[in-house]
Amino acid sequence: MEDQRKYKFDWDNTVGADMQVARPSLGPSTRVEVYRLFQFTLRDVLEQHYGTGMADDLFREAGVIAGKAFFDKFLCEAKDVTDLAARVQDSFSALGMGIFRVESAQPDNSRFTFTVDEDLDCSGLPDTADVVCVYDEGFIQGVLESFSGKGFDVREIDCWCTGARTCRFEAKTAS
């Protein structure tokens, strides 16, 4: 049966719209508050309807789709893990997504620890007991899976919202 979804993601027909035509005066940029307004109202609705666990799963799943599309658009020329990390770092900085760093890498074991300072999702939010960057978990997972062809599990272990003042993610091959 043919896919009948109304809003199936496609970079060229959504994200990749021609900004010279779409926003000739304002251009492609907006403020963090607008991004968070969208993200956290959507999260609130999903939690009300499906619960926190399912909302997290859906945000993570969307992040995987985004990470894979981002890889295809910006990172697919990466030659090795070092080159990939440099390209991610440059892209995050250029697009205002955050300051990405590789804290530790064991490519032979497919285990990595990444940090993102000034994270788009949470930097500056009040402290809570919870990590909140589940979309980022999926995004990083999507990038790693596209690059390696392996399944990955990515989890945030430190977050601005838990007092860490940086977001830290552990990635390992999925079991």
C-alpha atoms as a PDB file:
ATOM      1  CA  MET A   1       0.000   0.000   0.000  1.00  0.00           C
ATOM      2  CA  GLU A   2       1.327   3.419  -0.933  1.00  0.00           C
ATOM      3  CA  ASP A   3       2.237   5.769   1.938  1.00  0.00           C
ATOM      4  CA  GLN A   4      -0.683   8.181   2.394  1.00  0.00           C
ATOM      5  CA  ARG A   5       0.765  10.378   5.121  1.00  0.00           C
ATOM      6  CA  LYS A   6      -0.018  14.050   4.631  1.00  0.00           C
ATOM      7  CA  TYR A   7       3.162  15.370   6.281  1.00  0.00           C
ATOM      8  CA  LYS A   8       5.849  12.823   5.451  1.00  0.00           C
ATOM      9  CA  PHE A   9       9.206  14.500   6.035  1.00  0.00           C
ATOM     10  CA  ASP A  10      11.108  15.556   2.948  1.00  0.00           C
ATOM     11  CA  TRP A  11      14.032  18.004   3.247  1.00  0.00           C
ATOM     12  CA  ASP A  12      13.578  19.702  -0.116  1.00  0.00           C
ATOM     13  CA  ASN A  13       9.861  20.379   0.319  1.00  0.00           C
ATOM     14  CA  THR A  14       9.953  21.497   3.951  1.00  0.00           C
ATOM     15  CA  VAL A  15      13.259  22.486   5.540  1.00  0.00           C
ATOM     16  CA  GLY A  16      15.026  23.210   2.279  1.00  0.00           C
ATOM     17  CA  ALA A  17      12.526  25.731   0.980  1.00  0.00           C
ATOM     18  CA  ASP A  18      14.119  28.570  -0.969  1.00  0.00           C
ATOM     19  CA  MET A  19      14.504  31.245   1.721  1.00  0.00           C
ATOM     20  CA  GLN A  20      15.014  33.982  -0.872  1.00  0.00           C
ATOM     21  CA  VAL A  21      11.448  33.289  -2.003  1.00  0.00           C
ATOM     22  CA  ALA A  22       9.937  32.175   1.317  1.00  0.00           C
ATOM     23  CA  ARG A  23      11.373  34.925   3.549  1.00  0.00           C
ATOM     24  CA  PRO A  24      12.966  37.615   1.381  1.00  0.00           C
ATOM     25  CA  SER A  25      13.019  40.178   4.200  1.00  0.00           C
ATOM     26  CA  LEU A  26      13.498  38.057   7.333  1.00  0.00           C
ATOM     27  CA  GLY A  27      15.769  35.320   5.988  1.00  0.00           C
ATOM     28  CA  PRO A  28      16.324  31.888   7.545  1.00  0.00           C
ATOM     29  CA  SER A  29      16.964  32.893  11.168  1.00  0.00           C
ATOM     30  CA  THR A  30      14.672  33.171  14.158  1.00  0.00           C
ATOM     31  CA  ARG A  31      15.127  33.430  17.913  1.00  0.00           C
ATOM     32  CA  VAL A  32      15.605  30.553  20.340  1.00  0.00           C
ATOM     33  CA  GLU A  33      12.395  31.519  22.153  1.00  0.00           C
ATOM     34  CA  VAL A  34      10.356  30.799  19.014  1.00  0.00           C
ATOM     35  CA  TYR A  35      11.963  27.379  18.578  1.00  0.00           C
ATOM     36  CA  ARG A  36      11.343  26.539  22.245  1.00  0.00           C
ATOM     37  CA  LEU A  37       7.774  27.843  22.071  1.00  0.00           C
ATOM     38  CA  PHE A  38       7.087  25.316  19.315  1.00  0.00           C
ATOM     39  CA  GLN A  39       9.044  22.489  20.936  1.00  0.00           C
ATOM     40  CA  PHE A  40       7.670  22.757  24.465  1.00  0.00           C
ATOM     41  CA  THR A  41       4.030  23.377  23.507  1.00  0.00           C
ATOM     42  CA  LEU A  42       4.160  20.338  21.230  1.00  0.00           C
ATOM     43  CA  ARG A  43       5.797  18.336  24.016  1.00  0.00           C
ATOM     44  CA  ASP A  44       3.101  19.473  26.455  1.00  0.00           C
ATOM     45  CA  VAL A  45       0.308  18.343  24.123  1.00  0.00           C
ATOM     46  CA  LEU A  46       2.009  14.987  23.489  1.00  0.00           C
ATOM     47  CA  GLU A  47       2.490  14.417  27.234  1.00  0.00           C
ATOM     48  CA  GLN A  48      -1.136  15.269  27.964  1.00  0.00           C
ATOM     49  CA  HIS A  49      -2.372  12.832  25.334  1.00  0.00           C
ATOM     50  CA  TYR A  50       0.200  10.032  25.572  1.00  0.00           C
ATOM     51  CA  GLY A  51       2.225  10.445  28.762  1.00  0.00           C
ATOM     52  CA  THR A  52       5.805  11.549  29.322  1.00  0.00           C
ATOM     53  CA  GLY A  53       7.443   8.279  28.256  1.00  0.00           C
ATOM     54  CA  MET A  54       5.656   8.194  24.923  1.00  0.00           C
ATOM     55  CA  ALA A  55       6.330  11.913  24.346  1.00  0.00           C
ATOM     56  CA  ASP A  56      10.027  11.231  24.926  1.00  0.00           C
ATOM     57  CA  ASP A  57       9.935   8.278  22.527  1.00  0.00           C
ATOM     58  CA  LEU A  58       8.242  10.368  19.838  1.00  0.00           C
ATOM     59  CA  PHE A  59      10.684  13.263  20.234  1.00  0.00           C
ATOM     60  CA  ARG A  60      13.618  10.831  20.079  1.00  0.00           C
ATOM     61  CA  GLU A  61      12.160   9.180  16.968  1.00  0.00           C
ATOM     62  CA  ALA A  62      11.734  12.585  15.298  1.00  0.00           C
ATOM     63  CA  GLY A  63      15.324  13.385  16.250  1.00  0.00           C
ATOM     64  CA  VAL A  64      16.533  10.231  14.476  1.00  0.00           C
ATOM     65  CA  ILE A  65      14.741  11.283  11.290  1.00  0.00           C
ATOM     66  CA  ALA A  66      16.225  14.771  11.584  1.00  0.00           C
ATOM     67  CA  GLY A  67      19.732  13.470  12.310  1.00  0.00           C
ATOM     68  CA  LYS A  68      19.652  11.205   9.264  1.00  0.00           C
ATOM     69  CA  ALA A  69      18.402  14.038   7.028  1.00  0.00           C
ATOM     70  CA  PHE A  70      21.031  16.389   8.506  1.00  0.00           C
ATOM     71  CA  PHE A  71      23.740  13.826   7.799  1.00  0.00           C
ATOM     72  CA  ASP A  72      22.597  13.481   4.183  1.00  0.00           C
ATOM     73  CA  LYS A  73      22.507  17.263   3.716  1.00  0.00           C
ATOM     74  CA  PHE A  74      25.636  18.403   5.592  1.00  0.00           C
ATOM     75  CA  LEU A  75      27.818  15.495   6.692  1.00  0.00           C
ATOM     76  CA  CYS A  76      27.758  12.746   4.056  1.00  0.00           C
ATOM     77  CA  GLU A  77      31.208  13.648   2.719  1.00  0.00           C
ATOM     78  CA  ALA A  78      32.847  12.738   6.065  1.00  0.00           C
ATOM     79  CA  LYS A  79      35.772  10.378   5.438  1.00  0.00           C
ATOM     80  CA  ASP A  80      36.270   9.050   8.977  1.00  0.00           C
ATOM     81  CA  VAL A  81      35.149   9.615  12.578  1.00  0.00           C
ATOM     82  CA  THR A  82      37.512  12.560  13.065  1.00  0.00           C
ATOM     83  CA  ASP A  83      36.246  14.249   9.911  1.00  0.00           C
ATOM     84  CA  LEU A  84      32.635  13.567  10.914  1.00  0.00           C
ATOM     85  CA  ALA A  85      33.187  15.141  14.344  1.00  0.00           C
ATOM     86  CA  ALA A  86      34.746  18.244  12.771  1.00  0.00           C
ATOM     87  CA  ARG A  87      31.856  18.587  10.323  1.00  0.00           C
ATOM     88  CA  VAL A  88      29.262  18.203  13.095  1.00  0.00           C
ATOM     89  CA  GLN A  89      31.090  20.772  15.205  1.00  0.00           C
ATOM     90  CA  ASP A  90      31.261  23.233  12.307  1.00  0.00           C
ATOM     91  CA  SER A  91      27.617  22.695  11.336  1.00  0.00           C
ATOM     92  CA  PHE A  92      26.316  23.094  14.887  1.00  0.00           C
ATOM     93  CA  SER A  93      28.251  26.332  15.256  1.00  0.00           C
ATOM     94  CA  ALA A  94      27.316  27.765  11.856  1.00  0.00           C
ATOM     95  CA  LEU A  95      23.616  26.986  12.363  1.00  0.00           C
ATOM     96  CA  GLY A  96      23.497  28.159  15.990  1.00  0.00           C
ATOM     97  CA  MET A  97      22.521  24.726  17.316  1.00  0.00           C
ATOM     98  CA  GLY A  98      25.142  24.614  20.067  1.00  0.00           C
ATOM     99  CA  ILE A  99      28.822  24.080  20.686  1.00  0.00           C
ATOM    100  CA  PHE A 100      29.495  20.422  19.891  1.00  0.00           C
ATOM    101  CA  ARG A 101      32.548  18.587  21.194  1.00  0.00           C
ATOM    102  CA  VAL A 102      33.750  15.009  21.332  1.00  0.00           C
ATOM    103  CA  GLU A 103      34.706  14.298  24.937  1.00  0.00           C
ATOM    104  CA  SER A 104      35.806  10.729  24.362  1.00  0.00           C
ATOM    105  CA  ALA A 105      35.826   8.381  21.411  1.00  0.00           C
ATOM    106  CA  GLN A 106      36.419   4.668  21.115  1.00  0.00           C
ATOM    107  CA  PRO A 107      35.568   4.096  17.445  1.00  0.00           C
ATOM    108  CA  ASP A 108      36.729   0.472  17.546  1.00  0.00           C
ATOM    109  CA  ASN A 109      34.152  -0.214  20.292  1.00  0.00           C
ATOM    110  CA  SER A 110      31.582   2.222  18.839  1.00  0.00           C
ATOM    111  CA  ARG A 111      31.404   4.149  22.116  1.00  0.00           C
ATOM    112  CA  PHE A 112      31.426   7.934  22.292  1.00  0.00           C
ATOM    113  CA  THR A 113      30.746  10.764  24.702  1.00  0.00           C
ATOM    114  CA  PHE A 114      29.697  14.106  23.233  1.00  0.00           C
ATOM    115  CA  THR A 115      28.941  17.442  24.826  1.00  0.00           C
ATOM    116  CA  VAL A 116      26.816  20.295  23.560  1.00  0.00           C
ATOM    117  CA  ASP A 117      27.207  23.656  25.269  1.00  0.00           C
ATOM    118  CA  GLU A 118      24.623  26.394  24.749  1.00  0.00           C
ATOM    119  CA  ASP A 119      22.233  23.697  23.575  1.00  0.00           C
ATOM    120  CA  LEU A 120      19.282  24.995  21.593  1.00  0.00           C
ATOM    121  CA  ASP A 121      16.823  22.908  23.623  1.00  0.00           C
ATOM    122  CA  CYS A 122      17.708  23.678  27.214  1.00  0.00           C
ATOM    123  CA  SER A 123      20.501  26.155  27.988  1.00  0.00           C
ATOM    124  CA  GLY A 124      19.232  28.732  30.449  1.00  0.00           C
ATOM    125  CA  LEU A 125      16.152  26.782  31.544  1.00  0.00           C
ATOM    126  CA  PRO A 126      15.472  26.243  35.267  1.00  0.00           C
ATOM    127  CA  ASP A 127      17.062  23.305  37.062  1.00  0.00           C
ATOM    128  CA  THR A 128      14.928  20.181  37.339  1.00  0.00           C
ATOM    129  CA  ALA A 129      15.695  16.605  38.170  1.00  0.00           C
ATOM    130  CA  ASP A 130      15.350  15.582  34.535  1.00  0.00           C
ATOM    131  CA  VAL A 131      17.453  15.609  31.394  1.00  0.00           C
ATOM    132  CA  VAL A 132      15.306  17.126  28.658  1.00  0.00           C
ATOM    133  CA  CYS A 133      17.221  16.745  25.401  1.00  0.00           C
ATOM    134  CA  VAL A 134      15.613  13.562  24.085  1.00  0.00           C
ATOM    135  CA  TYR A 135      15.256  15.081  20.607  1.00  0.00           C
ATOM    136  CA  ASP A 136      19.038  15.617  20.631  1.00  0.00           C
ATOM    137  CA  GLU A 137      19.528  11.979  21.645  1.00  0.00           C
ATOM    138  CA  GLY A 138      17.675  10.925  18.524  1.00  0.00           C
ATOM    139  CA  PHE A 139      19.439  13.499  16.365  1.00  0.00           C
ATOM    140  CA  ILE A 140      22.889  12.238  17.382  1.00  0.00           C
ATOM    141  CA  GLN A 141      21.687   8.650  16.951  1.00  0.00           C
ATOM    142  CA  GLY A 142      20.513   9.427  13.411  1.00  0.00           C
ATOM    143  CA  VAL A 143      23.856  11.007  12.487  1.00  0.00           C
ATOM    144  CA  LEU A 144      25.848   8.076  13.894  1.00  0.00           C
ATOM    145  CA  GLU A 145      23.646   5.459  12.239  1.00  0.00           C
ATOM    146  CA  SER A 146      23.833   7.193   8.864  1.00  0.00           C
ATOM    147  CA  PHE A 147      27.602   7.431   9.077  1.00  0.00           C
ATOM    148  CA  SER A 148      28.323   3.940  10.389  1.00  0.00           C
ATOM    149  CA  GLY A 149      25.457   1.817   9.121  1.00  0.00           C
ATOM    150  CA  LYS A 150      25.120   0.426  12.670  1.00  0.00           C
ATOM    151  CA  GLY A 151      22.320   0.866  15.185  1.00  0.00           C
ATOM    152  CA  PHE A 152      23.130   3.188  18.090  1.00  0.00           C
ATOM    153  CA  ASP A 153      21.657   3.959  21.480  1.00  0.00           C
ATOM    154  CA  VAL A 154      22.264   7.544  22.618  1.00  0.00           C
ATOM    155  CA  ARG A 155      21.285   8.854  26.033  1.00  0.00           C
ATOM    156  CA  GLU A 156      21.804  12.197  27.700  1.00  0.00           C
ATOM    157  CA  ILE A 157      23.623  11.711  31.002  1.00  0.00           C
ATOM    158  CA  ASP A 158      24.080  15.380  31.995  1.00  0.00           C
ATOM    159  CA  CYS A 159      21.911  18.360  31.107  1.00  0.00           C
ATOM    160  CA  TRP A 160      21.757  22.072  31.796  1.00  0.00           C
ATOM    161  CA  CYS A 161      18.463  21.321  33.525  1.00  0.00           C
ATOM    162  CA  THR A 162      20.131  18.958  36.011  1.00  0.00           C
ATOM    163  CA  GLY A 163      22.694  21.610  36.935  1.00  0.00           C
ATOM    164  CA  ALA A 164      25.495  20.336  34.689  1.00  0.00           C
ATOM    165  CA  ARG A 165      25.516  23.498  32.511  1.00  0.00           C
ATOM    166  CA  THR A 166      26.434  21.351  29.530  1.00  0.00           C
ATOM    167  CA  CYS A 167      24.584  18.547  27.839  1.00  0.00           C
ATOM    168  CA  ARG A 168      26.518  15.294  27.742  1.00  0.00           C
ATOM    169  CA  PHE A 169      25.510  12.314  25.645  1.00  0.00           C
ATOM    170  CA  GLU A 170      26.787   8.730  25.723  1.00  0.00           C
ATOM    171  CA  ALA A 171      26.512   6.784  22.491  1.00  0.00           C
ATOM    172  CA  LYS A 172      27.113   3.079  21.993  1.00  0.00           C
ATOM    173  CA  THR A 173      26.090   0.499  19.469  1.00  0.00           C
ATOM    174  CA  ALA A 174      22.613  -0.822  20.112  1.00  0.00           C
ATOM    175  CA  SER A 175      22.400  -4.272  21.602  1.00  0.00           C
END
